[in-house]
Every structure is written in structure tokens, then in C-alpha cells.
Amino acid sequence: MSKKSWIKPHHKTVRNIANVLFGPIVKLKYNVRPEKFDVSGKKAYLILYNHQTPFDQFFVGISFDLPIYYVATEDIFSNGLVSDLIRGLVAPIPIAKGTNDAGSILKCIRVAREGGTLAIAPEGNRTYSGRTEHISESVIPLARKLGLPVLLYRIEGGYGKNPRWSDKVRGGKMRAYVHSVITPEEYREMTDEEFFSAVKEGLYVDENRDTGVYRSNRRAEYLERAIYYCPFCGLSEFESKRNKAVCKKCGRAVEYGADKKLRGVGFDFPYGYFGEWYDAQNEFVRSLNTDGYLASPLYRDKADVYEVELFKRKKPLYRSAGIALYADRITVNEGGDDPVAIPFDSVSAVTVLGRNKLNVYTEKTVYQIRGGKRFNAVKYINFYYLHNNRKKDGNDGEFLGL
């Protein structure tokens, strides 16, 4: 095999060892038995999967008896020696999150031509709301270029087990399986709109409904990583403990049930499920007059700040710096030594990594902002997209970055 080939013989060996070592752990941790898909024909595939938990790639891997080449965010490639080890073992395809990375597309084409199977989470983000979120239409021309059978791999119950804003995996059941297959012959007969609709339909899951019981004594912990809107106070902050989250402004407490339902403690809470609250937050942001937040910040936080050398390493810039979110910019260490202002007009993308790390991409620098356990990165991406929508379209737009 050519030294220039992306696919190496040891990738299959690594895959088999990983399944033996980690498969039982993943199955036990999440109480899931990913359903096997018959690959006896030894075809290559494009696997598209919805993104609910940090272990989704393991569920996919267990379902297929072949090595899979995952398109993965640059964050795992920016950790020095650890990243080098990951590259050597399983050769994932790096992509700069939140951007149209032409290099990543070329690598996908290269892997497909070598007979490899690819896996992509086309949402680009693990869901905060409990439903399958925004999928870019760019997945359709990519699928057509690859020319592979498209497998729509659906994960259900993962949000109930482990919401993105939580550190706790709860009791309860989930399912991971191939929901449907779209062959090249089938999608060649489809328009782009029809193909895109089939992909969205096959991957769509909404867990803002009764799907079982998910037991834990820490069900609401770190809910404030995703929510900063109170229906009674507007912009606010929350503090969670065990099964409840409390608004710091009005003191109202909301309980997150084992059935995923929200209940006000001593009052009627207007939203039944977290996704409804999340939607209301987005609607509130879209309707907000932000003129008053050009001189005064919407929020202030404390966080460590790094400069990211994409696909290489991260260099510490500030420890426990003051971070301020304005309607049109983010500032770091404002009023202190070496302050930095990051105008939204100079930013090409803002993304959330993991549960609550924030990457801000400018022309010259990629900043990574890491707050404490209760840091809410969602608000930064929401207000960045709100600014862009209003500047570009003259309206509030629908998409707020997640």
C-alpha cells in the first residue's frame, strides 16, 4: 500500500482492539446495545448520525465491523502528543468547526476513493435542546461527490441519558441503529431538496416528550451552561444543585424531573420540557433591543484564554481573565494588562466545543475561552449570530449558531 494512502492496515486492528476494550464499558455506561449493520458485502459507506452524547462515535463504531474514518473537530487535533497519537491510531479527518473547510472535504473524497467508510455528524454540534438541530445543506453536495451509499444512523434516548449541559449519565434506556439507507441510485433520482429532506427526516429525533424515566439525583446540575433566560426576569443567570436550578434574579426554582419534565417549585413554570425553554430563550434573544449593550456588557465572566494553533497545540494567554460580552464584541481583560477587544465584525465563526468551551475564530487568531464548570458559552455564540443576522439581513434571522 502506498505511503500516501490515508487508509492503513493497522486501522482495522486498532478498531477491533478498541471495541474489545471500550465496547463493554460504553454499553454498560449508557445501557445501550448498538444494533449491528450487515457489512458482509464489504462496501464503503457515508454514515450520517445525529449527535446526542460524547460517546456517539463509539455507538457507531460498535454497529459496524469495519474501520470508520470520522470527521472530527480540530479541538482533538490541537493537543500536541495526544493528538499525534490519535492521528496515528485511527486517522480521523480534521475539520475547523463552524467553518467550510475545503481541506476536510478533499480528505473525505480521498478516503472514499481508497474504499474507506466515513462518518459525519452533520449537525456539527451535540444537541443542547434534546432535538436534532440545524444541519447545513452542504452535506448534500458532499454526499454526491463521494458517491457512497448513505446510512442514516439514529441515536434515541441519548439526550435523556446525558444532556449536553450535564456531567451526569442517568439511568434509563437508549437506542442506536441504522434508521434508513439511501443508495446512490436513489439519490441520483432526487433533487437536492428531496435528498436533504430525506436526510433531515432520517436523523430527526425530538426528546421533548415522554420517552421513559432517566433516574439521577443530579438531574439539573449545570443546566446554567445552556440557559440564561428567565421567563419572569429576561436576561439572567442560574445556579443549579442536584435536581433544581434557581434564577439568581427572582429566586424562582425549577425542578428537572426523571421524566425530563420541568416543574416550578411553588409556581407554574410555562415550559414543560427543556427544549421549549431553549426555544423561548432564542425567541427572546431575537426580539431583544441590544442598543443598550454597546456601551455596557450583557454579561461578565471569568475564564482562561488560549491561543489555538489549529491542528497543533494551545498556548495559554490569560488565567482567570475578565471576559465581557457586548452586543457587538467580546473583550478580554478589559481594564487590565494587555486587554483584547474582539469585534464581531472581525470574527469568522464562534463555536462551542464539548459542554462549554468557546472558540472564537478571527483572521489572525483563534481564541479558546474556558470558564469554570458553570460557564455558559451558549450566550456568546447566540449574540454573535444575532449581530451577524441583523447586519447581514437587517432582521433577527432564525439561526443563532446551534
Protein backbone atom coordinates (compact mmCIF):
# COMPACT_ATOMS: atom_id res chain seq x y z
CA MET A 1 0.00 0.00 0.00
CA SER A 2 1.31 3.44 -0.90
CA LYS A 3 2.80 5.50 1.89
CA LYS A 4 0.49 8.31 0.76
CA SER A 5 -2.66 6.30 1.40
CA TRP A 6 -4.88 7.62 4.18
CA ILE A 7 -6.12 4.12 4.96
CA LYS A 8 -3.57 1.91 6.73
CA PRO A 9 -3.82 -1.84 7.51
CA HIS A 10 -3.45 -1.24 11.26
CA HIS A 11 -6.64 0.86 11.42
CA LYS A 12 -8.75 -2.31 11.37
CA THR A 13 -6.64 -3.84 14.15
CA VAL A 14 -6.98 -0.71 16.26
CA ARG A 15 -10.73 -0.71 15.66
CA ASN A 16 -11.02 -4.35 16.80
CA ILE A 17 -8.94 -3.76 19.93
CA ALA A 18 -10.89 -0.61 20.81
CA ASN A 19 -14.20 -2.47 20.52
CA VAL A 20 -12.95 -5.23 22.80
CA LEU A 21 -11.59 -2.78 25.39
CA PHE A 22 -14.15 0.02 25.29
CA GLY A 23 -17.26 -1.62 23.84
CA PRO A 24 -18.37 -3.23 27.13
CA ILE A 25 -17.67 -0.01 29.05
CA VAL A 26 -19.75 2.08 26.65
CA LYS A 27 -22.61 -0.44 26.66
CA LEU A 28 -22.66 -0.57 30.45
CA LYS A 29 -22.30 3.19 30.97
CA TYR A 30 -25.15 4.06 28.62
CA ASN A 31 -27.25 0.89 28.90
CA VAL A 32 -27.28 0.57 25.12
CA ARG A 33 -26.68 -2.25 22.67
CA PRO A 34 -25.91 -0.58 19.33
CA GLU A 35 -27.60 -2.61 16.61
CA LYS A 36 -25.31 -4.34 14.14
CA PHE A 37 -25.46 -3.42 10.46
CA ASP A 38 -24.60 -6.11 7.93
CA VAL A 39 -21.45 -5.09 6.03
CA SER A 40 -20.75 -8.55 4.63
CA GLY A 41 -20.78 -7.05 1.13
CA LYS A 42 -17.71 -5.05 2.21
CA LYS A 43 -18.96 -1.81 0.68
CA ALA A 44 -17.84 1.62 1.76
CA TYR A 45 -20.48 3.94 3.19
CA LEU A 46 -21.14 7.50 4.24
CA ILE A 47 -22.63 7.32 7.74
CA LEU A 48 -24.56 10.39 8.90
CA TYR A 49 -25.59 10.39 12.57
CA ASN A 50 -27.43 12.72 14.92
CA HIS A 51 -25.34 13.92 17.85
CA GLN A 52 -26.63 13.41 21.40
CA THR A 53 -23.80 12.21 23.64
CA PRO A 54 -19.99 12.46 23.85
CA PHE A 55 -19.82 8.70 23.09
CA ASP A 56 -21.84 8.71 19.85
CA GLN A 57 -18.82 7.73 17.76
CA PHE A 58 -18.42 4.60 19.90
CA PHE A 59 -22.06 3.62 19.27
CA VAL A 60 -21.47 3.99 15.54
CA GLY A 61 -18.23 2.04 15.70
CA ILE A 62 -19.80 -0.89 17.55
CA SER A 63 -22.52 -1.19 14.90
CA PHE A 64 -20.07 -1.76 12.04
CA ASP A 65 -17.44 -4.47 11.66
CA LEU A 66 -15.09 -2.27 9.68
CA PRO A 67 -12.81 0.71 10.37
CA ILE A 68 -14.57 4.07 10.18
CA TYR A 69 -12.98 7.42 9.40
CA TYR A 70 -14.70 10.12 11.44
CA VAL A 71 -14.78 13.78 10.56
CA ALA A 72 -13.74 15.34 13.87
CA THR A 73 -13.42 18.85 15.24
CA GLU A 74 -9.98 20.43 15.28
CA ASP A 75 -10.05 20.55 19.08
CA ILE A 76 -8.85 16.95 19.37
CA PHE A 77 -6.03 17.74 16.94
CA SER A 78 -4.69 20.69 18.96
CA ASN A 79 -3.33 18.80 21.94
CA GLY A 80 0.24 18.06 20.96
CA LEU A 81 1.39 14.48 21.51
CA VAL A 82 -2.09 13.20 22.37
CA SER A 83 -3.34 14.45 19.02
CA ASP A 84 -0.40 12.82 17.23
CA LEU A 85 -1.31 9.51 18.87
CA ILE A 86 -4.95 9.78 17.76
CA ARG A 87 -3.87 10.56 14.20
CA GLY A 88 -1.55 7.59 14.11
CA LEU A 89 -4.05 5.13 15.53
CA VAL A 90 -7.32 5.93 13.75
CA ALA A 91 -6.64 8.77 11.27
CA PRO A 92 -9.78 10.89 11.81
CA ILE A 93 -10.39 13.68 9.32
CA PRO A 94 -9.89 17.12 10.90
CA ILE A 95 -12.28 19.98 10.29
CA ALA A 96 -12.26 23.53 11.63
CA LYS A 97 -15.59 23.59 13.45
CA GLY A 98 -18.13 26.16 12.31
CA THR A 99 -16.32 26.78 9.02
CA ASN A 100 -16.45 25.49 5.45
CA ASP A 101 -13.17 23.59 5.45
CA ALA A 102 -12.21 22.77 1.85
CA GLY A 103 -9.25 20.70 3.04
CA SER A 104 -11.55 18.45 5.03
CA ILE A 105 -13.77 17.87 2.00
CA LEU A 106 -10.76 16.86 -0.10
CA LYS A 107 -9.67 14.40 2.60
CA CYS A 108 -13.16 12.87 2.66
CA ILE A 109 -13.02 12.38 -1.11
CA ARG A 110 -9.57 10.82 -0.76
CA VAL A 111 -10.76 8.32 1.88
CA ALA A 112 -13.83 7.40 -0.19
CA ARG A 113 -11.69 6.78 -3.29
CA GLU A 114 -9.47 4.48 -1.22
CA GLY A 115 -12.54 2.45 -0.25
CA GLY A 116 -12.98 3.80 3.27
CA THR A 117 -16.20 4.37 5.22
CA LEU A 118 -16.76 7.87 6.57
CA ALA A 119 -18.88 9.06 9.49
CA ILE A 120 -20.10 12.61 9.98
CA ALA A 121 -22.41 14.27 12.50
CA PRO A 122 -23.89 16.85 10.10
CA GLU A 123 -25.33 18.98 12.91
CA GLY A 124 -21.73 19.85 13.73
CA ASN A 125 -22.84 20.18 17.34
CA ARG A 126 -24.14 17.94 20.06
CA THR A 127 -27.71 18.97 20.80
CA TYR A 128 -28.45 21.20 23.79
CA SER A 129 -32.22 21.20 23.25
CA GLY A 130 -32.92 17.47 23.01
CA ARG A 131 -33.83 17.55 19.33
CA THR A 132 -31.79 17.15 16.18
CA GLU A 133 -30.63 20.68 15.41
CA HIS A 134 -29.53 22.70 12.38
CA ILE A 135 -28.00 20.67 9.55
CA SER A 136 -26.13 22.51 6.80
CA GLU A 137 -27.26 21.89 3.23
CA SER A 138 -23.56 21.46 2.34
CA VAL A 139 -23.87 17.78 3.35
CA ILE A 140 -25.78 17.11 0.11
CA PRO A 141 -23.12 18.15 -2.44
CA LEU A 142 -20.54 16.33 -0.31
CA ALA A 143 -22.59 13.12 -0.38
CA ARG A 144 -22.99 13.41 -4.15
CA LYS A 145 -19.24 13.90 -4.63
CA LEU A 146 -18.45 10.85 -2.52
CA GLY A 147 -20.95 8.69 -4.38
CA LEU A 148 -21.34 6.26 -1.46
CA PRO A 149 -24.48 4.66 -0.02
CA VAL A 150 -25.72 6.97 2.72
CA LEU A 151 -26.62 5.34 6.04
CA LEU A 152 -28.76 7.45 8.37
CA TYR A 153 -27.75 6.38 11.85
CA ARG A 154 -30.18 7.43 14.54
CA ILE A 155 -29.43 7.74 18.26
CA GLU A 156 -32.50 7.89 20.51
CA GLY A 157 -32.61 8.43 24.27
CA GLY A 158 -29.08 9.79 24.45
CA TYR A 159 -30.28 13.22 25.49
CA GLY A 160 -32.36 11.75 28.29
CA LYS A 161 -29.31 9.77 29.41
CA ASN A 162 -26.78 12.60 29.21
CA PRO A 163 -27.90 16.13 28.23
CA ARG A 164 -25.06 18.19 26.76
CA TRP A 165 -25.22 20.66 29.63
CA SER A 166 -24.82 17.89 32.23
CA ASP A 167 -21.85 15.90 33.55
CA LYS A 168 -24.09 13.12 34.82
CA VAL A 169 -25.14 9.99 32.89
CA ARG A 170 -28.57 8.95 34.14
CA GLY A 171 -30.30 5.61 34.39
CA GLY A 172 -32.67 4.65 31.58
CA LYS A 173 -32.55 3.16 28.11
CA MET A 174 -31.48 4.36 24.70
CA ARG A 175 -31.16 3.01 21.18
CA ALA A 176 -28.52 3.36 18.43
CA TYR A 177 -29.16 1.91 14.94
CA VAL A 178 -29.25 2.45 11.19
CA HIS A 179 -32.64 4.02 10.57
CA SER A 180 -32.54 4.03 6.77
CA VAL A 181 -30.31 3.69 3.72
CA ILE A 182 -30.25 5.92 0.65
CA THR A 183 -28.41 4.29 -2.24
CA PRO A 184 -26.54 6.28 -4.92
CA GLU A 185 -29.13 5.11 -7.44
CA GLU A 186 -31.89 6.53 -5.26
CA TYR A 187 -30.35 9.92 -4.53
CA ARG A 188 -29.29 10.42 -8.16
CA GLU A 189 -33.03 10.48 -8.93
CA MET A 190 -33.69 13.04 -6.16
CA THR A 191 -33.43 16.80 -6.30
CA ASP A 192 -31.13 18.38 -3.72
CA GLU A 193 -34.19 19.46 -1.77
CA GLU A 194 -35.62 15.93 -1.74
CA PHE A 195 -32.29 14.42 -0.73
CA PHE A 196 -31.83 16.98 2.04
CA SER A 197 -35.36 16.38 3.33
CA ALA A 198 -34.71 12.62 3.45
CA VAL A 199 -31.52 13.17 5.46
CA LYS A 200 -33.18 15.53 7.92
CA GLU A 201 -36.17 13.23 8.35
CA GLY A 202 -33.99 10.17 8.90
CA LEU A 203 -31.86 11.89 11.56
CA TYR A 204 -34.58 13.83 13.34
CA VAL A 205 -35.18 12.96 16.98
CA ASP A 206 -37.10 15.09 19.49
CA GLU A 207 -36.82 14.03 23.10
CA ASN A 208 -39.05 16.79 24.43
CA ARG A 209 -41.71 14.19 25.08
CA ASP A 210 -42.27 11.10 27.21
CA THR A 211 -39.55 8.60 26.27
CA GLY A 212 -39.03 6.89 29.61
CA VAL A 213 -37.54 7.50 33.04
CA TYR A 214 -33.95 8.72 33.49
CA ARG A 215 -33.04 8.46 37.15
CA SER A 216 -30.35 10.53 38.84
CA ASN A 217 -30.02 12.64 41.96
CA ARG A 218 -28.25 15.35 39.94
CA ARG A 219 -30.69 15.85 37.11
CA ALA A 220 -30.49 19.66 36.88
CA GLU A 221 -26.80 20.13 37.62
CA TYR A 222 -25.11 22.58 35.22
CA LEU A 223 -28.30 23.41 33.36
CA GLU A 224 -26.97 27.01 33.52
CA ARG A 225 -24.40 26.08 30.86
CA ALA A 226 -27.19 26.35 28.29
CA ILE A 227 -29.86 28.63 29.83
CA TYR A 228 -29.50 32.34 30.62
CA TYR A 229 -33.12 33.45 30.09
CA CYS A 230 -35.76 33.60 32.79
CA PRO A 231 -39.39 33.95 31.60
CA PHE A 232 -40.00 36.30 34.55
CA CYS A 233 -36.74 38.34 34.51
CA GLY A 234 -35.45 38.23 30.93
CA LEU A 235 -31.66 38.01 30.77
CA SER A 236 -30.46 36.34 33.92
CA GLU A 237 -28.14 33.71 35.37
CA PHE A 238 -28.95 30.43 37.07
CA GLU A 239 -27.35 28.28 39.71
CA SER A 240 -28.10 24.58 39.88
CA LYS A 241 -27.82 21.98 42.59
CA ARG A 242 -28.93 18.38 42.34
CA ASN A 243 -32.39 18.40 40.70
CA LYS A 244 -33.14 22.13 40.78
CA ALA A 245 -31.93 25.32 39.09
CA VAL A 246 -32.55 28.75 40.65
CA CYS A 247 -32.76 32.11 38.88
CA LYS A 248 -30.31 34.48 40.57
CA LYS A 249 -32.57 37.47 39.92
CA CYS A 250 -36.02 36.38 41.09
CA GLY A 251 -35.09 33.33 43.16
CA ARG A 252 -37.59 31.04 41.44
CA ALA A 253 -36.52 27.39 41.40
CA VAL A 254 -37.21 24.96 38.55
CA GLU A 255 -37.05 21.21 39.05
CA TYR A 256 -35.88 18.86 36.29
CA GLY A 257 -37.75 15.56 36.64
CA ALA A 258 -36.68 11.99 35.94
CA ASP A 259 -39.31 12.14 33.17
CA LYS A 260 -37.40 15.17 31.71
CA LYS A 261 -40.32 17.47 32.57
CA LEU A 262 -39.79 20.90 34.12
CA ARG A 263 -41.79 21.98 37.15
CA GLY A 264 -41.77 25.25 39.03
CA VAL A 265 -41.26 24.91 42.79
CA GLY A 266 -44.31 26.66 44.21
CA PHE A 267 -45.35 28.29 40.92
CA ASP A 268 -46.44 27.36 37.41
CA PHE A 269 -43.48 27.20 35.06
CA PRO A 270 -44.52 27.99 31.47
CA TYR A 271 -42.40 25.32 29.74
CA GLY A 272 -42.96 21.59 30.01
CA TYR A 273 -39.63 20.42 28.58
CA PHE A 274 -36.14 21.86 28.30
CA GLY A 275 -36.44 22.25 24.51
CA GLU A 276 -39.42 24.58 24.98
CA TRP A 277 -37.39 26.74 27.38
CA TYR A 278 -34.47 26.72 24.95
CA ASP A 279 -36.75 27.84 22.10
CA ALA A 280 -38.19 30.63 24.26
CA GLN A 281 -34.67 31.80 25.03
CA ASN A 282 -33.87 32.00 21.32
CA GLU A 283 -37.08 33.91 20.63
CA PHE A 284 -36.28 36.34 23.45
CA VAL A 285 -32.79 36.96 22.05
CA ARG A 286 -34.13 37.56 18.54
CA SER A 287 -36.57 40.18 19.88
CA LEU A 288 -34.09 41.91 22.21
CA ASN A 289 -33.13 45.54 21.62
CA THR A 290 -29.35 45.39 22.09
CA ASP A 291 -28.59 49.11 21.63
CA GLY A 292 -28.05 49.49 25.36
CA TYR A 293 -25.43 46.74 25.34
CA LEU A 294 -22.94 48.52 23.10
CA ALA A 295 -21.52 50.55 25.98
CA SER A 296 -22.42 48.19 28.83
CA PRO A 297 -21.91 44.43 28.68
CA LEU A 298 -24.66 41.87 28.59
CA TYR A 299 -22.59 39.57 30.81
CA ARG A 300 -19.26 39.35 32.56
CA ASP A 301 -17.42 36.07 33.25
CA LYS A 302 -14.07 34.78 34.44
CA ALA A 303 -12.20 32.38 32.18
CA ASP A 304 -8.83 31.10 30.99
CA VAL A 305 -7.98 32.13 27.45
CA TYR A 306 -5.77 30.25 24.99
CA GLU A 307 -4.46 30.89 21.51
CA VAL A 308 -5.14 27.83 19.37
CA GLU A 309 -2.62 26.79 16.74
CA LEU A 310 -5.08 24.80 14.65
CA PHE A 311 -4.26 21.10 14.47
CA LYS A 312 -1.17 21.62 16.64
CA ARG A 313 -1.43 22.96 20.20
CA LYS A 314 -2.93 25.58 22.52
CA LYS A 315 -0.89 28.36 24.12
CA PRO A 316 -2.11 29.93 27.40
CA LEU A 317 -2.67 33.69 27.11
CA TYR A 318 -4.62 34.61 30.28
CA ARG A 319 -5.53 32.91 33.53
CA SER A 320 -8.85 33.80 35.15
CA ALA A 321 -9.27 36.84 32.95
CA GLY A 322 -12.33 39.03 32.91
CA ILE A 323 -14.48 38.27 29.85
CA ALA A 324 -17.20 40.72 28.81
CA LEU A 325 -19.92 40.04 26.24
CA TYR A 326 -21.25 43.11 24.44
CA ALA A 327 -23.79 43.23 21.63
CA ASP A 328 -21.03 43.68 19.06
CA ARG A 329 -17.85 42.30 20.62
CA ILE A 330 -16.12 40.21 23.27
CA THR A 331 -13.42 41.75 25.44
CA VAL A 332 -10.70 40.01 27.44
CA ASN A 333 -9.05 41.54 30.49
CA GLU A 334 -10.83 44.83 29.93
CA GLY A 335 -9.29 47.50 32.17
CA GLY A 336 -6.33 45.22 33.00
CA ASP A 337 -2.95 44.43 31.49
CA ASP A 338 -2.87 43.60 27.78
CA PRO A 339 -6.61 43.93 27.15
CA VAL A 340 -8.03 42.45 23.95
CA ALA A 341 -11.17 43.51 22.12
CA ILE A 342 -12.64 41.07 19.60
CA PRO A 343 -15.20 42.88 17.42
CA PHE A 344 -17.78 40.54 15.94
CA ASP A 345 -17.16 42.13 12.55
CA SER A 346 -13.62 40.69 12.63
CA VAL A 347 -14.82 37.20 13.59
CA SER A 348 -15.47 34.47 11.01
CA ALA A 349 -17.00 31.92 13.39
CA VAL A 350 -17.85 31.26 17.03
CA THR A 351 -18.38 27.68 18.19
CA VAL A 352 -18.99 25.75 21.37
CA LEU A 353 -16.79 22.70 21.95
CA GLY A 354 -17.72 19.94 24.36
CA ARG A 355 -20.05 21.10 27.08
CA ASN A 356 -18.95 24.72 27.43
CA LYS A 357 -15.64 25.65 25.80
CA LEU A 358 -15.83 28.56 23.38
CA ASN A 359 -13.72 29.00 20.23
CA VAL A 360 -13.63 32.42 18.55
CA TYR A 361 -12.09 32.49 15.06
CA THR A 362 -10.61 35.73 13.75
CA GLU A 363 -8.47 36.29 10.67
CA LYS A 364 -5.23 36.23 12.67
CA THR A 365 -6.02 34.30 15.86
CA VAL A 366 -8.23 31.52 17.16
CA TYR A 367 -9.09 32.12 20.81
CA GLN A 368 -10.34 29.39 23.13
CA ILE A 369 -12.21 30.59 26.22
CA ARG A 370 -12.60 28.10 29.06
CA GLY A 371 -14.67 29.19 32.02
CA GLY A 372 -15.48 27.28 35.16
CA LYS A 373 -17.93 24.40 35.42
CA ARG A 374 -20.91 26.77 35.35
CA PHE A 375 -19.67 28.87 32.41
CA ASN A 376 -22.34 29.49 29.78
CA ALA A 377 -20.76 29.55 26.31
CA VAL A 378 -24.12 29.41 24.51
CA LYS A 379 -24.90 33.08 25.08
CA TYR A 380 -21.69 34.15 23.31
CA ILE A 381 -22.48 32.22 20.17
CA ASN A 382 -26.14 33.36 20.25
CA PHE A 383 -25.27 37.06 20.40
CA TYR A 384 -22.54 36.73 17.78
CA TYR A 385 -25.06 35.24 15.35
CA LEU A 386 -27.70 37.80 16.32
CA HIS A 387 -25.27 40.61 15.45
CA ASN A 388 -24.40 38.97 12.13
CA ASN A 389 -28.03 38.33 11.23
CA ARG A 390 -29.02 41.93 11.87
CA LYS A 391 -26.05 43.31 10.00
CA LYS A 392 -26.42 40.98 7.03
CA ASP A 393 -30.16 40.66 6.64
CA GLY A 394 -31.49 43.62 8.54
CA ASN A 395 -33.55 41.22 10.63
CA ASP A 396 -33.17 38.84 13.54
CA GLY A 397 -32.75 35.65 11.50
CA GLU A 398 -33.61 32.17 12.68
CA PHE A 399 -30.23 30.54 13.20
CA LEU A 400 -28.39 31.53 16.37
CA GLY A 401 -25.39 29.29 15.93
CA LEU A 402 -26.55 25.95 17.37
